[in-house]
Amino acid sequence: MPKIQVSFNNEEDAVMRRTDMAQIKEILRLHYEAGLSQRDIAKSVQCSLGTESNVLQRAREAGIEYPTELSAKELGSKIYPPVEKKPGEHKPEPDMEYIH
């Protein structure tokens, strides 16, 4: 399944990869409808146990259950909400004189 690399919130956070929305829907279906274990779900959708666990945790936090009538875009915005920048937060520009 394709994954999209996204930027991190701050230097302390690791780079997070988004899981494909079709894969998220399948994880939710297998969990709520089929009642499979997290390990079996991870094997079935060919993702890590951590990814599967992260998707279920994010879905619970967003109040999403299966079946869901959300479109892929709506599901994505609930599972991966936009990161709010703190006031005055910005990345420093590189020191070009030092680099060259």
C-alpha atoms as a PDB file:
ATOM      1  CA  MET A   1       0.000   0.000   0.000  1.00  0.00           C
ATOM      2  CA  PRO A   2       1.324   3.498  -0.769  1.00  0.00           C
ATOM      3  CA  LYS A   3       2.400   5.699   2.115  1.00  0.00           C
ATOM      4  CA  ILE A   4       2.897   9.449   2.175  1.00  0.00           C
ATOM      5  CA  GLN A   5       5.677  11.021   4.184  1.00  0.00           C
ATOM      6  CA  VAL A   6       4.577  14.105   6.090  1.00  0.00           C
ATOM      7  CA  SER A   7       6.564  16.675   8.015  1.00  0.00           C
ATOM      8  CA  PHE A   8       6.897  16.562  11.778  1.00  0.00           C
ATOM      9  CA  ASN A   9       5.400  18.954  14.341  1.00  0.00           C
ATOM     10  CA  ASN A  10       8.661  19.860  16.019  1.00  0.00           C
ATOM     11  CA  GLU A  11      12.187  18.562  16.366  1.00  0.00           C
ATOM     12  CA  GLU A  12      11.173  16.188  19.155  1.00  0.00           C
ATOM     13  CA  ASP A  13       8.650  14.293  17.029  1.00  0.00           C
ATOM     14  CA  ALA A  14       9.643  11.557  14.646  1.00  0.00           C
ATOM     15  CA  VAL A  15       8.602  11.669  11.003  1.00  0.00           C
ATOM     16  CA  MET A  16       5.104  10.223  10.714  1.00  0.00           C
ATOM     17  CA  ARG A  17       3.870   8.320   7.698  1.00  0.00           C
ATOM     18  CA  ARG A  18       0.224   8.391   6.724  1.00  0.00           C
ATOM     19  CA  THR A  19      -1.516   5.118   6.079  1.00  0.00           C
ATOM     20  CA  ASP A  20      -3.584   4.782   2.897  1.00  0.00           C
ATOM     21  CA  MET A  21      -7.297   5.447   3.515  1.00  0.00           C
ATOM     22  CA  ALA A  22      -8.352   2.133   1.930  1.00  0.00           C
ATOM     23  CA  GLN A  23      -5.994   0.372   4.339  1.00  0.00           C
ATOM     24  CA  ILE A  24      -7.460   2.328   7.274  1.00  0.00           C
ATOM     25  CA  LYS A  25     -11.002   1.323   6.293  1.00  0.00           C
ATOM     26  CA  GLU A  26      -9.873  -2.315   6.038  1.00  0.00           C
ATOM     27  CA  ILE A  27      -8.233  -2.151   9.498  1.00  0.00           C
ATOM     28  CA  LEU A  28     -11.460  -0.732  10.957  1.00  0.00           C
ATOM     29  CA  ARG A  29     -13.580  -3.377   9.175  1.00  0.00           C
ATOM     30  CA  LEU A  30     -11.424  -6.270  10.347  1.00  0.00           C
ATOM     31  CA  HIS A  31     -11.400  -4.943  13.910  1.00  0.00           C
ATOM     32  CA  TYR A  32     -15.086  -4.058  14.349  1.00  0.00           C
ATOM     33  CA  GLU A  33     -16.813  -6.421  11.926  1.00  0.00           C
ATOM     34  CA  ALA A  34     -14.589  -9.500  11.799  1.00  0.00           C
ATOM     35  CA  GLY A  35     -13.291  -9.208  15.361  1.00  0.00           C
ATOM     36  CA  LEU A  36      -9.740 -10.206  14.407  1.00  0.00           C
ATOM     37  CA  SER A  37      -6.805  -9.712  16.749  1.00  0.00           C
ATOM     38  CA  GLN A  38      -4.482  -6.793  16.133  1.00  0.00           C
ATOM     39  CA  ARG A  39      -1.721  -9.174  15.049  1.00  0.00           C
ATOM     40  CA  ASP A  40      -4.016 -10.903  12.515  1.00  0.00           C
ATOM     41  CA  ILE A  41      -5.211  -7.542  11.177  1.00  0.00           C
ATOM     42  CA  ALA A  42      -1.624  -6.357  10.709  1.00  0.00           C
ATOM     43  CA  LYS A  43      -0.779  -9.552   8.788  1.00  0.00           C
ATOM     44  CA  SER A  44      -3.920  -9.269   6.669  1.00  0.00           C
ATOM     45  CA  VAL A  45      -3.355  -5.668   5.543  1.00  0.00           C
ATOM     46  CA  GLN A  46       0.430  -6.114   5.372  1.00  0.00           C
ATOM     47  CA  CYS A  47       1.365  -3.385   7.821  1.00  0.00           C
ATOM     48  CA  SER A  48       3.249  -3.358  11.086  1.00  0.00           C
ATOM     49  CA  LEU A  49       1.521  -4.042  14.368  1.00  0.00           C
ATOM     50  CA  GLY A  50       2.472  -0.497  15.404  1.00  0.00           C
ATOM     51  CA  THR A  51       0.755   1.011  12.343  1.00  0.00           C
ATOM     52  CA  GLU A  52      -2.378  -1.027  12.954  1.00  0.00           C
ATOM     53  CA  SER A  53      -2.413  -0.091  16.644  1.00  0.00           C
ATOM     54  CA  ASN A  54      -1.829   3.594  15.788  1.00  0.00           C
ATOM     55  CA  VAL A  55      -4.758   3.622  13.331  1.00  0.00           C
ATOM     56  CA  LEU A  56      -7.131   2.069  15.875  1.00  0.00           C
ATOM     57  CA  GLN A  57      -5.995   4.501  18.579  1.00  0.00           C
ATOM     58  CA  ARG A  58      -6.457   7.500  16.281  1.00  0.00           C
ATOM     59  CA  ALA A  59      -9.887   6.209  15.215  1.00  0.00           C
ATOM     60  CA  ARG A  60     -10.966   5.813  18.862  1.00  0.00           C
ATOM     61  CA  GLU A  61      -9.716   9.321  19.693  1.00  0.00           C
ATOM     62  CA  ALA A  62     -11.639  10.710  16.698  1.00  0.00           C
ATOM     63  CA  GLY A  63     -14.802   8.772  17.631  1.00  0.00           C
ATOM     64  CA  ILE A  64     -14.775   6.719  14.409  1.00  0.00           C
ATOM     65  CA  GLU A  65     -16.306   3.248  14.356  1.00  0.00           C
ATOM     66  CA  TYR A  66     -17.136   0.815  11.587  1.00  0.00           C
ATOM     67  CA  PRO A  67     -19.150   0.971   9.402  1.00  0.00           C
ATOM     68  CA  THR A  68     -18.397   4.560   8.586  1.00  0.00           C
ATOM     69  CA  GLU A  69     -20.042   6.718   5.969  1.00  0.00           C
ATOM     70  CA  LEU A  70     -17.044   9.068   5.844  1.00  0.00           C
ATOM     71  CA  SER A  71     -15.395   9.667   2.489  1.00  0.00           C
ATOM     72  CA  ALA A  72     -11.668   8.999   2.159  1.00  0.00           C
ATOM     73  CA  LYS A  73     -10.973  12.729   2.506  1.00  0.00           C
ATOM     74  CA  GLU A  74     -13.166  13.081   5.613  1.00  0.00           C
ATOM     75  CA  LEU A  75     -11.656   9.962   7.158  1.00  0.00           C
ATOM     76  CA  GLY A  76      -8.158  11.256   6.481  1.00  0.00           C
ATOM     77  CA  SER A  77      -8.865  14.609   8.092  1.00  0.00           C
ATOM     78  CA  LYS A  78     -10.263  12.906  11.218  1.00  0.00           C
ATOM     79  CA  ILE A  79      -7.517  10.282  11.531  1.00  0.00           C
ATOM     80  CA  TYR A  80      -4.728  12.739  10.673  1.00  0.00           C
ATOM     81  CA  PRO A  81      -6.022  16.171  11.739  1.00  0.00           C
ATOM     82  CA  PRO A  82      -4.054  19.219  10.591  1.00  0.00           C
ATOM     83  CA  VAL A  83      -1.235  20.190  12.890  1.00  0.00           C
ATOM     84  CA  GLU A  84      -1.748  23.566  14.505  1.00  0.00           C
ATOM     85  CA  LYS A  85       1.382  25.674  14.666  1.00  0.00           C
ATOM     86  CA  LYS A  86       2.149  27.455  17.889  1.00  0.00           C
ATOM     87  CA  PRO A  87       2.231  31.250  17.665  1.00  0.00           C
ATOM     88  CA  GLY A  88       5.699  32.414  16.698  1.00  0.00           C
ATOM     89  CA  GLU A  89       6.829  28.895  15.761  1.00  0.00           C
ATOM     90  CA  HIS A  90       8.920  28.744  12.620  1.00  0.00           C
ATOM     91  CA  LYS A  91      11.848  26.816  11.255  1.00  0.00           C
ATOM     92  CA  PRO A  92      15.113  28.752  11.266  1.00  0.00           C
ATOM     93  CA  GLU A  93      16.656  29.518   7.893  1.00  0.00           C
ATOM     94  CA  PRO A  94      19.990  27.826   7.186  1.00  0.00           C
ATOM     95  CA  ASP A  95      23.132  29.896   7.584  1.00  0.00           C
ATOM     96  CA  MET A  96      24.149  30.178   3.916  1.00  0.00           C
ATOM     97  CA  GLU A  97      27.501  31.771   4.709  1.00  0.00           C
ATOM     98  CA  TYR A  98      28.432  28.824   6.907  1.00  0.00           C
ATOM     99  CA  ILE A  99      27.227  26.290   4.303  1.00  0.00           C
ATOM    100  CA  HIS A 100      29.201  27.838   1.441  1.00  0.00           C
END
